[in-house]
Amino acid sequence: MPKNTDSPAQRRRKKDALQSALISSFWMTLSGAVLLVLSSIFVENTLVKTILTIVSLLELGMIVPVWILYKTRLEEIEGGEEDAASQY
């Protein structure tokens, strides 16, 4: 794996990628939890409650791909693909 010579830019990209993953995870957790709580409090219809529960769980489940993409992004940053692409 080639090393990147632009260390400050690489650190900034890693920090930005982490910040993005954390913010995305926070909002997905918040929206999934709020939807789950509100549906359990306010929805009487069993079918609607089931659908909202499934949607909430899907929202919470989307956190896993965010962190998989974060790991992939770090590998791209460490591999120097962005620096190589910026030279074109």
PDB file of N, CA and C in Angstrom:
ATOM      1  N   MET A   1       0.841  -1.174   0.000  1.00  0.00           N
ATOM      2  CA  MET A   1       0.000   0.000   0.000  1.00  0.00           C
ATOM      3  C   MET A   1       0.892   1.245   0.000  1.00  0.00           C
ATOM      4  N   PRO A   2       0.772   2.099  -1.003  1.00  0.00           N
ATOM      5  CA  PRO A   2       1.618   3.287  -1.052  1.00  0.00           C
ATOM      6  C   PRO A   2       1.245   4.279   0.040  1.00  0.00           C
ATOM      7  N   LYS A   3       2.255   4.926   0.565  1.00  0.00           N
ATOM      8  CA  LYS A   3       2.032   5.916   1.619  1.00  0.00           C
ATOM      9  C   LYS A   3       1.772   7.280   1.012  1.00  0.00           C
ATOM     10  N   ASN A   4       0.907   8.011   1.641  1.00  0.00           N
ATOM     11  CA  ASN A   4       0.552   9.350   1.198  1.00  0.00           C
ATOM     12  C   ASN A   4       1.566  10.341   1.762  1.00  0.00           C
ATOM     13  N   THR A   5       2.035  11.240   0.916  1.00  0.00           N
ATOM     14  CA  THR A   5       3.014  12.225   1.369  1.00  0.00           C
ATOM     15  C   THR A   5       2.346  13.471   1.923  1.00  0.00           C
ATOM     16  N   ASP A   6       1.057  13.671   1.653  1.00  0.00           N
ATOM     17  CA  ASP A   6       0.341  14.857   2.099  1.00  0.00           C
ATOM     18  C   ASP A   6      -0.326  14.573   3.446  1.00  0.00           C
ATOM     19  N   SER A   7       0.464  14.483   4.487  1.00  0.00           N
ATOM     20  CA  SER A   7       0.000  14.070   5.802  1.00  0.00           C
ATOM     21  C   SER A   7      -1.058  14.996   6.425  1.00  0.00           C
ATOM     22  N   PRO A   8      -0.893  16.318   6.399  1.00  0.00           N
ATOM     23  CA  PRO A   8      -1.942  17.170   6.986  1.00  0.00           C
ATOM     24  C   PRO A   8      -3.291  17.035   6.267  1.00  0.00           C
ATOM     25  N   ALA A   9      -3.254  16.944   4.956  1.00  0.00           N
ATOM     26  CA  ALA A   9      -4.500  16.772   4.201  1.00  0.00           C
ATOM     27  C   ALA A   9      -5.122  15.409   4.509  1.00  0.00           C
ATOM     28  N   GLN A  10      -4.285  14.412   4.667  1.00  0.00           N
ATOM     29  CA  GLN A  10      -4.767  13.073   4.992  1.00  0.00           C
ATOM     30  C   GLN A  10      -5.431  13.066   6.378  1.00  0.00           C
ATOM     31  N   ARG A  11      -4.799  13.719   7.331  1.00  0.00           N
ATOM     32  CA  ARG A  11      -5.397  13.809   8.682  1.00  0.00           C
ATOM     33  C   ARG A  11      -6.733  14.545   8.638  1.00  0.00           C
ATOM     34  N   ARG A  12      -6.803  15.606   7.858  1.00  0.00           N
ATOM     35  CA  ARG A  12      -8.056  16.367   7.736  1.00  0.00           C
ATOM     36  C   ARG A  12      -9.155  15.506   7.123  1.00  0.00           C
ATOM     37  N   ARG A  13      -8.814  14.741   6.097  1.00  0.00           N
ATOM     38  CA  ARG A  13      -9.803  13.862   5.458  1.00  0.00           C
ATOM     39  C   ARG A  13     -10.286  12.782   6.424  1.00  0.00           C
ATOM     40  N   LYS A  14      -9.363  12.221   7.205  1.00  0.00           N
ATOM     41  CA  LYS A  14      -9.753  11.212   8.195  1.00  0.00           C
ATOM     42  C   LYS A  14     -10.671  11.806   9.253  1.00  0.00           C
ATOM     43  N   LYS A  15     -10.343  13.007   9.701  1.00  0.00           N
ATOM     44  CA  LYS A  15     -11.171  13.683  10.703  1.00  0.00           C
ATOM     45  C   LYS A  15     -12.558  13.980  10.134  1.00  0.00           C
ATOM     46  N   ASP A  16     -12.604  14.462   8.896  1.00  0.00           N
ATOM     47  CA  ASP A  16     -13.887  14.756   8.251  1.00  0.00           C
ATOM     48  C   ASP A  16     -14.718  13.486   8.064  1.00  0.00           C
ATOM     49  N   ALA A  17     -14.068  12.394   7.701  1.00  0.00           N
ATOM     50  CA  ALA A  17     -14.778  11.124   7.506  1.00  0.00           C
ATOM     51  C   ALA A  17     -15.350  10.622   8.830  1.00  0.00           C
ATOM     52  N   LEU A  18     -14.586  10.730   9.904  1.00  0.00           N
ATOM     53  CA  LEU A  18     -15.074  10.314  11.220  1.00  0.00           C
ATOM     54  C   LEU A  18     -16.238  11.181  11.661  1.00  0.00           C
ATOM     55  N   GLN A  19     -16.092  12.476  11.485  1.00  0.00           N
ATOM     56  CA  GLN A  19     -17.151  13.404  11.869  1.00  0.00           C
ATOM     57  C   GLN A  19     -18.437  13.105  11.091  1.00  0.00           C
ATOM     58  N   SER A  20     -18.315  12.838   9.822  1.00  0.00           N
ATOM     59  CA  SER A  20     -19.473  12.520   8.991  1.00  0.00           C
ATOM     60  C   SER A  20     -20.153  11.232   9.458  1.00  0.00           C
ATOM     61  N   ALA A  21     -19.359  10.209   9.765  1.00  0.00           N
ATOM     62  CA  ALA A  21     -19.926   8.937  10.231  1.00  0.00           C
ATOM     63  C   ALA A  21     -20.622   9.110  11.578  1.00  0.00           C
ATOM     64  N   LEU A  22     -20.024   9.888  12.474  1.00  0.00           N
ATOM     65  CA  LEU A  22     -20.630  10.124  13.783  1.00  0.00           C
ATOM     66  C   LEU A  22     -21.945  10.895  13.668  1.00  0.00           C
ATOM     67  N   ILE A  23     -21.951  11.926  12.844  1.00  0.00           N
ATOM     68  CA  ILE A  23     -23.169  12.726  12.673  1.00  0.00           C
ATOM     69  C   ILE A  23     -24.275  11.882  12.034  1.00  0.00           C
ATOM     70  N   SER A  24     -23.927  11.118  11.015  1.00  0.00           N
ATOM     71  CA  SER A  24     -24.925  10.254  10.365  1.00  0.00           C
ATOM     72  C   SER A  24     -25.486   9.232  11.347  1.00  0.00           C
ATOM     73  N   SER A  25     -24.606   8.626  12.125  1.00  0.00           N
ATOM     74  CA  SER A  25     -25.049   7.639  13.110  1.00  0.00           C
ATOM     75  C   SER A  25     -25.949   8.274  14.160  1.00  0.00           C
ATOM     76  N   PHE A  26     -25.595   9.455  14.601  1.00  0.00           N
ATOM     77  CA  PHE A  26     -26.401  10.162  15.602  1.00  0.00           C
ATOM     78  C   PHE A  26     -27.804  10.417  15.077  1.00  0.00           C
ATOM     79  N   TRP A  27     -27.905  10.973  13.857  1.00  0.00           N
ATOM     80  CA  TRP A  27     -29.220  11.296  13.309  1.00  0.00           C
ATOM     81  C   TRP A  27     -30.042  10.056  13.014  1.00  0.00           C
ATOM     82  N   MET A  28     -29.399   8.988  12.554  1.00  0.00           N
ATOM     83  CA  MET A  28     -30.135   7.747  12.313  1.00  0.00           C
ATOM     84  C   MET A  28     -30.641   7.147  13.620  1.00  0.00           C
ATOM     85  N   THR A  29     -29.823   7.191  14.644  1.00  0.00           N
ATOM     86  CA  THR A  29     -30.237   6.693  15.954  1.00  0.00           C
ATOM     87  C   THR A  29     -31.382   7.528  16.500  1.00  0.00           C
ATOM     88  N   LEU A  30     -31.237   8.832  16.416  1.00  0.00           N
ATOM     89  CA  LEU A  30     -32.281   9.721  16.927  1.00  0.00           C
ATOM     90  C   LEU A  30     -33.598   9.529  16.188  1.00  0.00           C
ATOM     91  N   SER A  31     -33.550   9.519  14.860  1.00  0.00           N
ATOM     92  CA  SER A  31     -34.801   9.398  14.101  1.00  0.00           C
ATOM     93  C   SER A  31     -35.437   8.022  14.290  1.00  0.00           C
ATOM     94  N   GLY A  32     -34.626   6.974  14.328  1.00  0.00           N
ATOM     95  CA  GLY A  32     -35.174   5.636  14.547  1.00  0.00           C
ATOM     96  C   GLY A  32     -35.798   5.497  15.921  1.00  0.00           C
ATOM     97  N   ALA A  33     -35.121   6.029  16.934  1.00  0.00           N
ATOM     98  CA  ALA A  33     -35.643   5.942  18.300  1.00  0.00           C
ATOM     99  C   ALA A  33     -36.904   6.782  18.471  1.00  0.00           C
ATOM    100  N   VAL A  34     -36.904   7.984  17.940  1.00  0.00           N
ATOM    101  CA  VAL A  34     -38.077   8.854  18.056  1.00  0.00           C
ATOM    102  C   VAL A  34     -39.270   8.232  17.331  1.00  0.00           C
ATOM    103  N   LEU A  35     -39.047   7.711  16.151  1.00  0.00           N
ATOM    104  CA  LEU A  35     -40.132   7.071  15.403  1.00  0.00           C
ATOM    105  C   LEU A  35     -40.675   5.865  16.167  1.00  0.00           C
ATOM    106  N   LEU A  36     -39.795   5.090  16.755  1.00  0.00           N
ATOM    107  CA  LEU A  36     -40.205   3.917  17.523  1.00  0.00           C
ATOM    108  C   LEU A  36     -41.017   4.321  18.755  1.00  0.00           C
ATOM    109  N   VAL A  37     -40.533   5.313  19.486  1.00  0.00           N
ATOM    110  CA  VAL A  37     -41.233   5.770  20.690  1.00  0.00           C
ATOM    111  C   VAL A  37     -42.573   6.403  20.340  1.00  0.00           C
ATOM    112  N   LEU A  38     -42.598   7.283  19.358  1.00  0.00           N
ATOM    113  CA  LEU A  38     -43.844   7.942  18.994  1.00  0.00           C
ATOM    114  C   LEU A  38     -44.880   6.959  18.459  1.00  0.00           C
ATOM    115  N   SER A  39     -44.438   5.979  17.695  1.00  0.00           N
ATOM    116  CA  SER A  39     -45.395   5.001  17.178  1.00  0.00           C
ATOM    117  C   SER A  39     -45.960   4.140  18.302  1.00  0.00           C
ATOM    118  N   SER A  40     -45.143   3.845  19.293  1.00  0.00           N
ATOM    119  CA  SER A  40     -45.660   3.033  20.399  1.00  0.00           C
ATOM    120  C   SER A  40     -46.598   3.827  21.302  1.00  0.00           C
ATOM    121  N   ILE A  41     -46.435   5.137  21.341  1.00  0.00           N
ATOM    122  CA  ILE A  41     -47.294   5.964  22.197  1.00  0.00           C
ATOM    123  C   ILE A  41     -48.579   6.362  21.490  1.00  0.00           C
ATOM    124  N   PHE A  42     -48.482   6.805  20.244  1.00  0.00           N
ATOM    125  CA  PHE A  42     -49.620   7.440  19.585  1.00  0.00           C
ATOM    126  C   PHE A  42     -50.388   6.581  18.597  1.00  0.00           C
ATOM    127  N   VAL A  43     -49.817   5.485  18.123  1.00  0.00           N
ATOM    128  CA  VAL A  43     -50.472   4.701  17.082  1.00  0.00           C
ATOM    129  C   VAL A  43     -51.237   3.545  17.716  1.00  0.00           C
ATOM    130  N   GLU A  44     -52.531   3.460  17.396  1.00  0.00           N
ATOM    131  CA  GLU A  44     -53.390   2.400  17.925  1.00  0.00           C
ATOM    132  C   GLU A  44     -53.495   1.222  16.961  1.00  0.00           C
ATOM    133  N   ASN A  45     -53.466   1.505  15.672  1.00  0.00           N
ATOM    134  CA  ASN A  45     -53.628   0.477  14.650  1.00  0.00           C
ATOM    135  C   ASN A  45     -52.412  -0.449  14.639  1.00  0.00           C
ATOM    136  N   THR A  46     -52.650  -1.749  14.767  1.00  0.00           N
ATOM    137  CA  THR A  46     -51.554  -2.720  14.838  1.00  0.00           C
ATOM    138  C   THR A  46     -50.739  -2.764  13.550  1.00  0.00           C
ATOM    139  N   LEU A  47     -51.409  -2.680  12.411  1.00  0.00           N
ATOM    140  CA  LEU A  47     -50.698  -2.719  11.126  1.00  0.00           C
ATOM    141  C   LEU A  47     -49.772  -1.513  10.980  1.00  0.00           C
ATOM    142  N   VAL A  48     -50.275  -0.330  11.288  1.00  0.00           N
ATOM    143  CA  VAL A  48     -49.461   0.889  11.188  1.00  0.00           C
ATOM    144  C   VAL A  48     -48.307   0.831  12.180  1.00  0.00           C
ATOM    145  N   LYS A  49     -48.573   0.362  13.384  1.00  0.00           N
ATOM    146  CA  LYS A  49     -47.527   0.255  14.402  1.00  0.00           C
ATOM    147  C   LYS A  49     -46.433  -0.717  13.952  1.00  0.00           C
ATOM    148  N   THR A  50     -46.842  -1.831  13.326  1.00  0.00           N
ATOM    149  CA  THR A  50     -45.873  -2.812  12.826  1.00  0.00           C
ATOM    150  C   THR A  50     -45.013  -2.207  11.714  1.00  0.00           C
ATOM    151  N   ILE A  51     -45.663  -1.510  10.795  1.00  0.00           N
ATOM    152  CA  ILE A  51     -44.924  -0.879   9.693  1.00  0.00           C
ATOM    153  C   ILE A  51     -43.937   0.156  10.237  1.00  0.00           C
ATOM    154  N   LEU A  52     -44.373   0.987  11.177  1.00  0.00           N
ATOM    155  CA  LEU A  52     -43.477   1.995  11.749  1.00  0.00           C
ATOM    156  C   LEU A  52     -42.341   1.358  12.542  1.00  0.00           C
ATOM    157  N   THR A  53     -42.613   0.253  13.200  1.00  0.00           N
ATOM    158  CA  THR A  53     -41.558  -0.456  13.919  1.00  0.00           C
ATOM    159  C   THR A  53     -40.516  -0.997  12.953  1.00  0.00           C
ATOM    160  N   ILE A  54     -40.974  -1.569  11.849  1.00  0.00           N
ATOM    161  CA  ILE A  54     -40.042  -2.086  10.838  1.00  0.00           C
ATOM    162  C   ILE A  54     -39.202  -0.948  10.253  1.00  0.00           C
ATOM    163  N   VAL A  55     -39.846   0.166   9.934  1.00  0.00           N
ATOM    164  CA  VAL A  55     -39.124   1.319   9.393  1.00  0.00           C
ATOM    165  C   VAL A  55     -38.095   1.829  10.410  1.00  0.00           C
ATOM    166  N   SER A  56     -38.469   1.860  11.674  1.00  0.00           N
ATOM    167  CA  SER A  56     -37.543   2.305  12.723  1.00  0.00           C
ATOM    168  C   SER A  56     -36.339   1.387  12.811  1.00  0.00           C
ATOM    169  N   LEU A  57     -36.593   0.087  12.778  1.00  0.00           N
ATOM    170  CA  LEU A  57     -35.493  -0.870  12.859  1.00  0.00           C
ATOM    171  C   LEU A  57     -34.594  -0.808  11.626  1.00  0.00           C
ATOM    172  N   LEU A  58     -35.193  -0.567  10.460  1.00  0.00           N
ATOM    173  CA  LEU A  58     -34.372  -0.390   9.254  1.00  0.00           C
ATOM    174  C   LEU A  58     -33.489   0.850   9.375  1.00  0.00           C
ATOM    175  N   GLU A  59     -34.063   1.914   9.916  1.00  0.00           N
ATOM    176  CA  GLU A  59     -33.287   3.150  10.120  1.00  0.00           C
ATOM    177  C   GLU A  59     -32.113   2.889  11.065  1.00  0.00           C
ATOM    178  N   LEU A  60     -32.375   2.182  12.144  1.00  0.00           N
ATOM    179  CA  LEU A  60     -31.306   1.859  13.085  1.00  0.00           C
ATOM    180  C   LEU A  60     -30.301   0.897  12.465  1.00  0.00           C
ATOM    181  N   GLY A  61     -30.779  -0.013  11.617  1.00  0.00           N
ATOM    182  CA  GLY A  61     -29.887  -0.960  10.954  1.00  0.00           C
ATOM    183  C   GLY A  61     -28.970  -0.311   9.932  1.00  0.00           C
ATOM    184  N   MET A  62     -29.341   0.864   9.443  1.00  0.00           N
ATOM    185  CA  MET A  62     -28.502   1.565   8.462  1.00  0.00           C
ATOM    186  C   MET A  62     -27.233   2.140   9.084  1.00  0.00           C
ATOM    187  N   ILE A  63     -27.138   2.082  10.386  1.00  0.00           N
ATOM    188  CA  ILE A  63     -25.921   2.568  11.053  1.00  0.00           C
ATOM    189  C   ILE A  63     -24.739   1.652  10.726  1.00  0.00           C
ATOM    190  N   VAL A  64     -24.992   0.368  10.612  1.00  0.00           N
ATOM    191  CA  VAL A  64     -23.910  -0.582  10.311  1.00  0.00           C
ATOM    192  C   VAL A  64     -23.234  -0.269   8.965  1.00  0.00           C
ATOM    193  N   PRO A  65     -23.995  -0.074   7.871  1.00  0.00           N
ATOM    194  CA  PRO A  65     -23.328   0.274   6.611  1.00  0.00           C
ATOM    195  C   PRO A  65     -22.558   1.594   6.665  1.00  0.00           C
ATOM    196  N   VAL A  66     -23.012   2.532   7.489  1.00  0.00           N
ATOM    197  CA  VAL A  66     -22.276   3.797   7.625  1.00  0.00           C
ATOM    198  C   VAL A  66     -20.860   3.520   8.111  1.00  0.00           C
ATOM    199  N   TRP A  67     -20.714   2.646   9.106  1.00  0.00           N
ATOM    200  CA  TRP A  67     -19.387   2.361   9.653  1.00  0.00           C
ATOM    201  C   TRP A  67     -18.569   1.467   8.732  1.00  0.00           C
ATOM    202  N   ILE A  68     -19.232   0.628   7.945  1.00  0.00           N
ATOM    203  CA  ILE A  68     -18.508  -0.149   6.928  1.00  0.00           C
ATOM    204  C   ILE A  68     -17.944   0.801   5.872  1.00  0.00           C
ATOM    205  N   LEU A  69     -18.760   1.767   5.440  1.00  0.00           N
ATOM    206  CA  LEU A  69     -18.293   2.763   4.472  1.00  0.00           C
ATOM    207  C   LEU A  69     -17.197   3.645   5.056  1.00  0.00           C
ATOM    208  N   TYR A  70     -17.287   3.939   6.340  1.00  0.00           N
ATOM    209  CA  TYR A  70     -16.239   4.722   7.001  1.00  0.00           C
ATOM    210  C   TYR A  70     -14.908   3.979   6.935  1.00  0.00           C
ATOM    211  N   LYS A  71     -14.939   2.685   7.220  1.00  0.00           N
ATOM    212  CA  LYS A  71     -13.716   1.885   7.172  1.00  0.00           C
ATOM    213  C   LYS A  71     -13.142   1.872   5.748  1.00  0.00           C
ATOM    214  N   THR A  72     -14.011   1.721   4.755  1.00  0.00           N
ATOM    215  CA  THR A  72     -13.578   1.747   3.357  1.00  0.00           C
ATOM    216  C   THR A  72     -12.974   3.101   3.010  1.00  0.00           C
ATOM    217  N   ARG A  73     -13.608   4.146   3.484  1.00  0.00           N
ATOM    218  CA  ARG A  73     -13.128   5.516   3.237  1.00  0.00           C
ATOM    219  C   ARG A  73     -11.734   5.716   3.836  1.00  0.00           C
ATOM    220  N   LEU A  74     -11.521   5.211   5.045  1.00  0.00           N
ATOM    221  CA  LEU A  74     -10.197   5.326   5.661  1.00  0.00           C
ATOM    222  C   LEU A  74      -9.143   4.600   4.829  1.00  0.00           C
ATOM    223  N   GLU A  75      -9.497   3.438   4.305  1.00  0.00           N
ATOM    224  CA  GLU A  75      -8.550   2.700   3.468  1.00  0.00           C
ATOM    225  C   GLU A  75      -8.211   3.485   2.203  1.00  0.00           C
ATOM    226  N   GLU A  76      -9.235   4.156   1.636  1.00  0.00           N
ATOM    227  CA  GLU A  76      -8.977   4.981   0.447  1.00  0.00           C
ATOM    228  C   GLU A  76      -8.079   6.161   0.785  1.00  0.00           C
ATOM    229  N   ILE A  77      -8.330   6.785   1.915  1.00  0.00           N
ATOM    230  CA  ILE A  77      -7.516   7.936   2.329  1.00  0.00           C
ATOM    231  C   ILE A  77      -6.081   7.494   2.580  1.00  0.00           C
ATOM    232  N   GLU A  78      -5.906   6.388   3.306  1.00  0.00           N
ATOM    233  CA  GLU A  78      -4.559   5.901   3.602  1.00  0.00           C
ATOM    234  C   GLU A  78      -3.847   5.418   2.348  1.00  0.00           C
ATOM    235  N   GLY A  79      -4.607   4.924   1.381  1.00  0.00           N
ATOM    236  CA  GLY A  79      -4.010   4.445   0.139  1.00  0.00           C
ATOM    237  C   GLY A  79      -3.602   5.566  -0.803  1.00  0.00           C
ATOM    238  N   GLY A  80      -4.080   6.774  -0.544  1.00  0.00           N
ATOM    239  CA  GLY A  80      -3.690   7.919  -1.353  1.00  0.00           C
ATOM    240  C   GLY A  80      -4.464   8.070  -2.644  1.00  0.00           C
ATOM    241  N   GLU A  81      -5.619   7.398  -2.770  1.00  0.00           N
ATOM    242  CA  GLU A  81      -6.383   7.500  -4.015  1.00  0.00           C
ATOM    243  C   GLU A  81      -6.814   8.935  -4.297  1.00  0.00           C
ATOM    244  N   GLU A  82      -7.235   9.672  -3.270  1.00  0.00           N
ATOM    245  CA  GLU A  82      -7.678  11.050  -3.476  1.00  0.00           C
ATOM    246  C   GLU A  82      -6.533  11.943  -3.933  1.00  0.00           C
ATOM    247  N   ASP A  83      -5.372  11.743  -3.340  1.00  0.00           N
ATOM    248  CA  ASP A  83      -4.225  12.554  -3.734  1.00  0.00           C
ATOM    249  C   ASP A  83      -3.821  12.259  -5.173  1.00  0.00           C
ATOM    250  N   ALA A  84      -3.894  10.997  -5.554  1.00  0.00           N
ATOM    251  CA  ALA A  84      -3.569  10.643  -6.941  1.00  0.00           C
ATOM    252  C   ALA A  84      -4.592  11.209  -7.902  1.00  0.00           C
ATOM    253  N   ALA A  85      -5.872  11.159  -7.505  1.00  0.00           N
ATOM    254  CA  ALA A  85      -6.930  11.696  -8.371  1.00  0.00           C
ATOM    255  C   ALA A  85      -6.863  13.204  -8.466  1.00  0.00           C
ATOM    256  N   SER A  86      -6.404  13.884  -7.444  1.00  0.00           N
ATOM    257  CA  SER A  86      -6.343  15.343  -7.480  1.00  0.00           C
ATOM    258  C   SER A  86      -5.239  15.870  -8.404  1.00  0.00           C
ATOM    259  N   GLN A  87      -4.336  14.996  -8.798  1.00  0.00           N
ATOM    260  CA  GLN A  87      -3.259  15.408  -9.691  1.00  0.00           C
ATOM    261  C   GLN A  87      -3.726  15.475 -11.146  1.00  0.00           C
ATOM    262  N   TYR A  88      -4.892  14.931 -11.440  1.00  0.00           N
ATOM    263  CA  TYR A  88      -5.387  14.930 -12.829  1.00  0.00           C
ATOM    264  C   TYR A  88      -6.194  16.123 -13.137  1.00  0.00           C
TER     265      TYR A  88
END
